[in-house]
Amino acid sequence: MNYLLLAARVLLGVAFVVFGLNGFFGFIPIPEKSGVAHQFLEILFGKSHYGAVIKGLEIFGGALLIIGIFVPLGILILTPILVNITLFHVFLDKEPSGMIMAGVMCALMLYLIGAHWSYFRPFLSPGQSS
């Protein structure tokens, strides 16, 4: 067994499960944001239930990675969420600690995608439409 792949999968899975659960229970304090970042988070989590759906998907996808079943499905669920997290930190938050964490998570995700490339290759090949 490839221990690096196992470590990447479990680390990323744990991160998503912990931050997903934090969205519901708030056991990790999140610093207050200002400006556009604050407005974005207020709409996402305060005035709609959209954030709860995202956090639920984070928990579900992270659990799939931790358990090790349906790992490509977990990757497929979590990748767009991670892209949005990264874009939030780059364009709205601009806090170095958030960008570093997003960068580490992106590196782990890219490694997992590469390790499971055979599952994703068909998405990038031209197919016949019905």
N, C-alpha and C. Protein backbone atom coordinates (compact mmCIF):
# COMPACT_ATOMS: atom_id res chain seq x y z
N MET A 1 0.84 -1.18 0.00
CA MET A 1 0.00 0.00 0.00
C MET A 1 0.88 1.24 0.00
N ASN A 2 0.47 2.22 -0.76
CA ASN A 2 1.20 3.47 -0.85
C ASN A 2 0.82 4.35 0.36
N TYR A 3 1.75 4.49 1.30
CA TYR A 3 1.46 5.23 2.52
C TYR A 3 1.30 6.73 2.28
N LEU A 4 1.97 7.26 1.26
CA LEU A 4 1.81 8.68 0.95
C LEU A 4 0.39 8.95 0.45
N LEU A 5 -0.12 8.05 -0.38
CA LEU A 5 -1.49 8.20 -0.88
C LEU A 5 -2.49 8.07 0.27
N LEU A 6 -2.28 7.12 1.15
CA LEU A 6 -3.15 6.94 2.31
C LEU A 6 -3.14 8.18 3.20
N ALA A 7 -1.96 8.72 3.45
CA ALA A 7 -1.83 9.92 4.29
C ALA A 7 -2.53 11.11 3.65
N ALA A 8 -2.34 11.31 2.36
CA ALA A 8 -2.99 12.43 1.66
C ALA A 8 -4.50 12.29 1.72
N ARG A 9 -5.00 11.08 1.48
CA ARG A 9 -6.44 10.83 1.48
C ARG A 9 -7.05 11.07 2.86
N VAL A 10 -6.41 10.54 3.89
CA VAL A 10 -6.95 10.69 5.24
C VAL A 10 -6.82 12.13 5.73
N LEU A 11 -5.69 12.78 5.47
CA LEU A 11 -5.52 14.18 5.90
C LEU A 11 -6.57 15.09 5.27
N LEU A 12 -6.77 14.94 3.98
CA LEU A 12 -7.76 15.77 3.29
C LEU A 12 -9.16 15.43 3.79
N GLY A 13 -9.44 14.16 3.97
CA GLY A 13 -10.75 13.76 4.48
C GLY A 13 -11.02 14.30 5.86
N VAL A 14 -10.05 14.21 6.75
CA VAL A 14 -10.21 14.72 8.12
C VAL A 14 -10.42 16.23 8.09
N ALA A 15 -9.66 16.94 7.27
CA ALA A 15 -9.82 18.39 7.18
C ALA A 15 -11.24 18.76 6.77
N PHE A 16 -11.76 18.08 5.75
CA PHE A 16 -13.12 18.41 5.31
C PHE A 16 -14.17 18.02 6.34
N VAL A 17 -14.01 16.89 7.00
CA VAL A 17 -14.98 16.49 8.03
C VAL A 17 -14.95 17.46 9.19
N VAL A 18 -13.76 17.82 9.66
CA VAL A 18 -13.64 18.73 10.81
C VAL A 18 -14.22 20.10 10.46
N PHE A 19 -13.84 20.67 9.31
CA PHE A 19 -14.36 21.99 8.96
C PHE A 19 -15.84 21.94 8.62
N GLY A 20 -16.30 20.82 8.08
CA GLY A 20 -17.73 20.66 7.83
C GLY A 20 -18.52 20.62 9.12
N LEU A 21 -18.04 19.83 10.09
CA LEU A 21 -18.71 19.78 11.40
C LEU A 21 -18.64 21.12 12.12
N ASN A 22 -17.54 21.84 11.93
CA ASN A 22 -17.40 23.15 12.54
C ASN A 22 -18.48 24.11 12.02
N GLY A 23 -18.88 23.93 10.77
CA GLY A 23 -19.95 24.76 10.23
C GLY A 23 -21.27 24.57 10.97
N PHE A 24 -21.49 23.40 11.56
CA PHE A 24 -22.72 23.14 12.30
C PHE A 24 -22.58 23.41 13.79
N PHE A 25 -21.42 23.10 14.36
CA PHE A 25 -21.27 23.16 15.81
C PHE A 25 -20.38 24.30 16.30
N GLY A 26 -19.57 24.89 15.44
CA GLY A 26 -18.77 26.05 15.80
C GLY A 26 -17.77 25.85 16.91
N PHE A 27 -17.05 24.72 16.90
CA PHE A 27 -16.08 24.46 17.96
C PHE A 27 -14.71 25.07 17.66
N ILE A 28 -14.46 25.50 16.44
CA ILE A 28 -13.22 26.21 16.09
C ILE A 28 -13.62 27.65 15.80
N PRO A 29 -13.10 28.61 16.58
CA PRO A 29 -13.47 30.00 16.34
C PRO A 29 -12.94 30.48 14.98
N ILE A 30 -13.79 31.15 14.25
CA ILE A 30 -13.41 31.69 12.94
C ILE A 30 -13.30 33.20 13.08
N PRO A 31 -12.16 33.77 12.68
CA PRO A 31 -12.00 35.22 12.82
C PRO A 31 -13.04 35.97 12.00
N GLU A 32 -13.47 37.10 12.52
CA GLU A 32 -14.43 37.93 11.81
C GLU A 32 -13.81 38.47 10.52
N LYS A 33 -14.58 38.45 9.49
CA LYS A 33 -14.14 38.98 8.20
C LYS A 33 -14.75 40.37 8.03
N SER A 34 -14.19 41.14 7.14
CA SER A 34 -14.73 42.46 6.87
C SER A 34 -14.93 42.63 5.37
N GLY A 35 -15.66 43.65 5.02
CA GLY A 35 -15.85 43.99 3.62
C GLY A 35 -16.64 42.94 2.85
N VAL A 36 -16.18 42.70 1.64
CA VAL A 36 -16.87 41.79 0.74
C VAL A 36 -16.86 40.36 1.27
N ALA A 37 -15.77 39.96 1.92
CA ALA A 37 -15.70 38.61 2.49
C ALA A 37 -16.79 38.41 3.53
N HIS A 38 -17.01 39.41 4.37
CA HIS A 38 -18.06 39.33 5.38
C HIS A 38 -19.44 39.23 4.72
N GLN A 39 -19.69 40.06 3.72
CA GLN A 39 -20.97 40.04 3.02
C GLN A 39 -21.22 38.68 2.37
N PHE A 40 -20.19 38.14 1.75
CA PHE A 40 -20.31 36.84 1.08
C PHE A 40 -20.67 35.75 2.09
N LEU A 41 -19.95 35.70 3.21
CA LEU A 41 -20.21 34.68 4.23
C LEU A 41 -21.57 34.88 4.89
N GLU A 42 -21.98 36.13 5.05
CA GLU A 42 -23.29 36.41 5.64
C GLU A 42 -24.41 35.88 4.75
N ILE A 43 -24.29 36.06 3.47
CA ILE A 43 -25.30 35.54 2.54
C ILE A 43 -25.26 34.03 2.51
N LEU A 44 -24.06 33.47 2.47
CA LEU A 44 -23.91 32.02 2.34
C LEU A 44 -24.40 31.28 3.58
N PHE A 45 -24.05 31.78 4.75
CA PHE A 45 -24.35 31.04 5.98
C PHE A 45 -25.41 31.71 6.86
N GLY A 46 -25.61 33.00 6.73
CA GLY A 46 -26.54 33.68 7.61
C GLY A 46 -27.94 33.80 7.05
N LYS A 47 -28.07 34.17 5.79
CA LYS A 47 -29.39 34.48 5.24
C LYS A 47 -29.96 33.37 4.36
N SER A 48 -29.20 32.32 4.17
CA SER A 48 -29.70 31.19 3.37
C SER A 48 -29.23 29.90 4.02
N HIS A 49 -29.74 28.81 3.55
CA HIS A 49 -29.30 27.50 4.05
C HIS A 49 -28.32 26.85 3.08
N TYR A 50 -27.83 27.64 2.16
CA TYR A 50 -26.88 27.15 1.16
C TYR A 50 -25.60 26.64 1.83
N GLY A 51 -25.14 27.36 2.83
CA GLY A 51 -23.92 26.97 3.54
C GLY A 51 -24.06 25.63 4.24
N ALA A 52 -25.25 25.34 4.76
CA ALA A 52 -25.48 24.05 5.43
C ALA A 52 -25.36 22.90 4.44
N VAL A 53 -25.83 23.11 3.24
CA VAL A 53 -25.71 22.07 2.20
C VAL A 53 -24.24 21.84 1.87
N ILE A 54 -23.49 22.91 1.73
CA ILE A 54 -22.06 22.79 1.44
C ILE A 54 -21.35 22.05 2.57
N LYS A 55 -21.62 22.43 3.81
CA LYS A 55 -20.98 21.77 4.95
C LYS A 55 -21.36 20.30 5.02
N GLY A 56 -22.61 19.98 4.71
CA GLY A 56 -23.02 18.58 4.67
C GLY A 56 -22.28 17.80 3.61
N LEU A 57 -22.08 18.40 2.44
CA LEU A 57 -21.31 17.75 1.38
C LEU A 57 -19.85 17.59 1.77
N GLU A 58 -19.30 18.57 2.50
CA GLU A 58 -17.92 18.45 2.98
C GLU A 58 -17.78 17.24 3.91
N ILE A 59 -18.74 17.07 4.82
CA ILE A 59 -18.70 15.94 5.75
C ILE A 59 -18.82 14.63 4.99
N PHE A 60 -19.77 14.55 4.07
CA PHE A 60 -19.99 13.33 3.30
C PHE A 60 -18.77 12.98 2.45
N GLY A 61 -18.26 13.95 1.69
CA GLY A 61 -17.09 13.70 0.85
C GLY A 61 -15.86 13.37 1.65
N GLY A 62 -15.65 14.08 2.76
CA GLY A 62 -14.51 13.79 3.63
C GLY A 62 -14.59 12.41 4.24
N ALA A 63 -15.80 12.00 4.62
CA ALA A 63 -15.98 10.65 5.19
C ALA A 63 -15.65 9.58 4.15
N LEU A 64 -16.04 9.81 2.91
CA LEU A 64 -15.70 8.85 1.85
C LEU A 64 -14.18 8.71 1.71
N LEU A 65 -13.46 9.83 1.81
CA LEU A 65 -11.99 9.77 1.72
C LEU A 65 -11.40 9.05 2.92
N ILE A 66 -11.89 9.32 4.10
CA ILE A 66 -11.35 8.68 5.31
C ILE A 66 -11.59 7.18 5.28
N ILE A 67 -12.82 6.79 4.97
CA ILE A 67 -13.17 5.37 4.97
C ILE A 67 -12.48 4.63 3.84
N GLY A 68 -12.28 5.30 2.73
CA GLY A 68 -11.58 4.69 1.60
C GLY A 68 -12.48 3.97 0.61
N ILE A 69 -13.80 4.20 0.73
CA ILE A 69 -14.70 3.64 -0.27
C ILE A 69 -15.23 4.79 -1.13
N PHE A 70 -15.46 4.50 -2.39
CA PHE A 70 -15.95 5.52 -3.32
C PHE A 70 -15.08 6.77 -3.29
N VAL A 71 -13.76 6.58 -3.22
CA VAL A 71 -12.84 7.72 -3.16
C VAL A 71 -13.00 8.65 -4.35
N PRO A 72 -13.13 8.13 -5.59
CA PRO A 72 -13.34 9.06 -6.71
C PRO A 72 -14.61 9.90 -6.56
N LEU A 73 -15.67 9.35 -5.98
CA LEU A 73 -16.88 10.13 -5.73
C LEU A 73 -16.60 11.22 -4.70
N GLY A 74 -15.86 10.89 -3.66
CA GLY A 74 -15.47 11.90 -2.67
C GLY A 74 -14.67 13.02 -3.31
N ILE A 75 -13.75 12.66 -4.18
CA ILE A 75 -12.95 13.67 -4.89
C ILE A 75 -13.85 14.53 -5.76
N LEU A 76 -14.79 13.89 -6.45
CA LEU A 76 -15.70 14.61 -7.34
C LEU A 76 -16.59 15.58 -6.57
N ILE A 77 -17.02 15.22 -5.38
CA ILE A 77 -17.84 16.09 -4.55
C ILE A 77 -17.02 17.25 -3.99
N LEU A 78 -15.80 16.96 -3.53
CA LEU A 78 -15.01 17.95 -2.80
C LEU A 78 -14.23 18.91 -3.68
N THR A 79 -13.91 18.52 -4.90
CA THR A 79 -13.09 19.40 -5.75
C THR A 79 -13.74 20.75 -6.02
N PRO A 80 -15.00 20.82 -6.45
CA PRO A 80 -15.58 22.15 -6.66
C PRO A 80 -15.69 22.97 -5.38
N ILE A 81 -15.91 22.30 -4.25
CA ILE A 81 -15.96 23.02 -2.98
C ILE A 81 -14.58 23.61 -2.69
N LEU A 82 -13.53 22.82 -2.91
CA LEU A 82 -12.17 23.31 -2.66
C LEU A 82 -11.79 24.44 -3.62
N VAL A 83 -12.25 24.37 -4.85
CA VAL A 83 -11.99 25.48 -5.79
C VAL A 83 -12.63 26.76 -5.26
N ASN A 84 -13.86 26.67 -4.76
CA ASN A 84 -14.52 27.86 -4.23
C ASN A 84 -13.86 28.36 -2.96
N ILE A 85 -13.41 27.46 -2.10
CA ILE A 85 -12.68 27.87 -0.89
C ILE A 85 -11.41 28.63 -1.28
N THR A 86 -10.69 28.08 -2.25
CA THR A 86 -9.44 28.72 -2.70
C THR A 86 -9.71 30.09 -3.31
N LEU A 87 -10.72 30.18 -4.17
CA LEU A 87 -11.06 31.47 -4.79
C LEU A 87 -11.50 32.49 -3.75
N PHE A 88 -12.22 32.03 -2.72
CA PHE A 88 -12.62 32.94 -1.64
C PHE A 88 -11.39 33.54 -0.97
N HIS A 89 -10.41 32.69 -0.64
CA HIS A 89 -9.22 33.18 0.05
C HIS A 89 -8.34 34.04 -0.85
N VAL A 90 -8.31 33.77 -2.12
CA VAL A 90 -7.48 34.55 -3.03
C VAL A 90 -8.10 35.91 -3.34
N PHE A 91 -9.41 35.93 -3.62
CA PHE A 91 -10.02 37.16 -4.10
C PHE A 91 -10.77 37.96 -3.04
N LEU A 92 -11.31 37.33 -2.01
CA LEU A 92 -12.12 38.05 -1.04
C LEU A 92 -11.44 38.23 0.30
N ASP A 93 -10.85 37.18 0.84
CA ASP A 93 -10.28 37.22 2.18
C ASP A 93 -8.87 37.78 2.17
N LYS A 94 -8.04 37.29 1.30
CA LYS A 94 -6.65 37.73 1.13
C LYS A 94 -5.82 37.62 2.42
N GLU A 95 -6.19 36.71 3.30
CA GLU A 95 -5.43 36.48 4.52
C GLU A 95 -4.42 35.36 4.25
N PRO A 96 -3.15 35.57 4.54
CA PRO A 96 -2.11 34.58 4.19
C PRO A 96 -2.37 33.18 4.77
N SER A 97 -2.85 33.11 6.02
CA SER A 97 -3.05 31.79 6.61
C SER A 97 -4.11 30.99 5.86
N GLY A 98 -5.16 31.66 5.42
CA GLY A 98 -6.20 30.99 4.65
C GLY A 98 -5.70 30.52 3.30
N MET A 99 -4.87 31.35 2.66
CA MET A 99 -4.33 30.97 1.35
C MET A 99 -3.36 29.80 1.48
N ILE A 100 -2.59 29.75 2.55
CA ILE A 100 -1.65 28.64 2.76
C ILE A 100 -2.43 27.34 2.96
N MET A 101 -3.45 27.38 3.80
CA MET A 101 -4.25 26.18 4.05
C MET A 101 -4.93 25.72 2.77
N ALA A 102 -5.49 26.65 2.01
CA ALA A 102 -6.13 26.29 0.74
C ALA A 102 -5.10 25.71 -0.23
N GLY A 103 -3.90 26.25 -0.25
CA GLY A 103 -2.84 25.73 -1.12
C GLY A 103 -2.44 24.31 -0.76
N VAL A 104 -2.32 24.03 0.54
CA VAL A 104 -1.97 22.68 0.98
C VAL A 104 -3.09 21.71 0.61
N MET A 105 -4.33 22.12 0.83
CA MET A 105 -5.46 21.25 0.49
C MET A 105 -5.54 21.02 -1.02
N CYS A 106 -5.24 22.04 -1.81
CA CYS A 106 -5.23 21.88 -3.28
C CYS A 106 -4.14 20.91 -3.71
N ALA A 107 -2.98 21.00 -3.08
CA ALA A 107 -1.88 20.09 -3.43
C ALA A 107 -2.27 18.65 -3.11
N LEU A 108 -2.89 18.44 -1.95
CA LEU A 108 -3.34 17.10 -1.60
C LEU A 108 -4.40 16.60 -2.58
N MET A 109 -5.32 17.48 -2.96
CA MET A 109 -6.38 17.09 -3.88
C MET A 109 -5.81 16.76 -5.26
N LEU A 110 -4.88 17.56 -5.73
CA LEU A 110 -4.26 17.27 -7.03
C LEU A 110 -3.52 15.94 -7.00
N TYR A 111 -2.87 15.64 -5.89
CA TYR A 111 -2.20 14.34 -5.75
C TYR A 111 -3.22 13.20 -5.80
N LEU A 112 -4.34 13.36 -5.11
CA LEU A 112 -5.37 12.33 -5.13
C LEU A 112 -5.98 12.18 -6.52
N ILE A 113 -6.21 13.28 -7.21
CA ILE A 113 -6.75 13.21 -8.56
C ILE A 113 -5.77 12.47 -9.46
N GLY A 114 -4.49 12.78 -9.33
CA GLY A 114 -3.48 12.10 -10.13
C GLY A 114 -3.42 10.61 -9.84
N ALA A 115 -3.56 10.25 -8.58
CA ALA A 115 -3.50 8.83 -8.20
C ALA A 115 -4.73 8.06 -8.68
N HIS A 116 -5.84 8.75 -8.88
CA HIS A 116 -7.08 8.12 -9.33
C HIS A 116 -7.44 8.58 -10.75
N TRP A 117 -6.44 8.94 -11.52
CA TRP A 117 -6.65 9.53 -12.83
C TRP A 117 -7.48 8.64 -13.77
N SER A 118 -7.34 7.34 -13.64
CA SER A 118 -8.07 6.44 -14.54
C SER A 118 -9.58 6.63 -14.42
N TYR A 119 -10.06 7.08 -13.27
CA TYR A 119 -11.49 7.33 -13.09
C TYR A 119 -11.93 8.64 -13.74
N PHE A 120 -11.02 9.60 -13.85
CA PHE A 120 -11.38 10.92 -14.36
C PHE A 120 -11.03 11.12 -15.83
N ARG A 121 -10.18 10.28 -16.37
CA ARG A 121 -9.76 10.40 -17.76
C ARG A 121 -10.94 10.42 -18.74
N PRO A 122 -11.98 9.57 -18.56
CA PRO A 122 -13.10 9.60 -19.50
C PRO A 122 -13.82 10.95 -19.58
N PHE A 123 -13.78 11.73 -18.50
CA PHE A 123 -14.43 13.04 -18.52
C PHE A 123 -13.74 13.99 -19.49
N LEU A 124 -12.48 13.75 -19.76
CA LEU A 124 -11.70 14.67 -20.60
C LEU A 124 -11.48 14.15 -22.00
N SER A 125 -12.12 13.06 -22.37
CA SER A 125 -12.01 12.56 -23.73
C SER A 125 -13.31 12.85 -24.46
N PRO A 126 -13.18 13.19 -25.76
CA PRO A 126 -14.40 13.49 -26.51
C PRO A 126 -15.28 12.25 -26.62
N GLY A 127 -16.51 12.40 -26.32
CA GLY A 127 -17.44 11.28 -26.38
C GLY A 127 -18.52 11.56 -27.42
N GLN A 128 -19.32 10.56 -27.63
CA GLN A 128 -20.42 10.72 -28.57
C GLN A 128 -21.64 11.17 -27.82
N SER A 129 -22.33 12.13 -28.37
CA SER A 129 -23.57 12.56 -27.74
C SER A 129 -24.72 11.71 -28.28
N SER A 130 -25.71 11.52 -27.45
CA SER A 130 -26.82 10.67 -27.89
C SER A 130 -27.96 11.48 -28.44
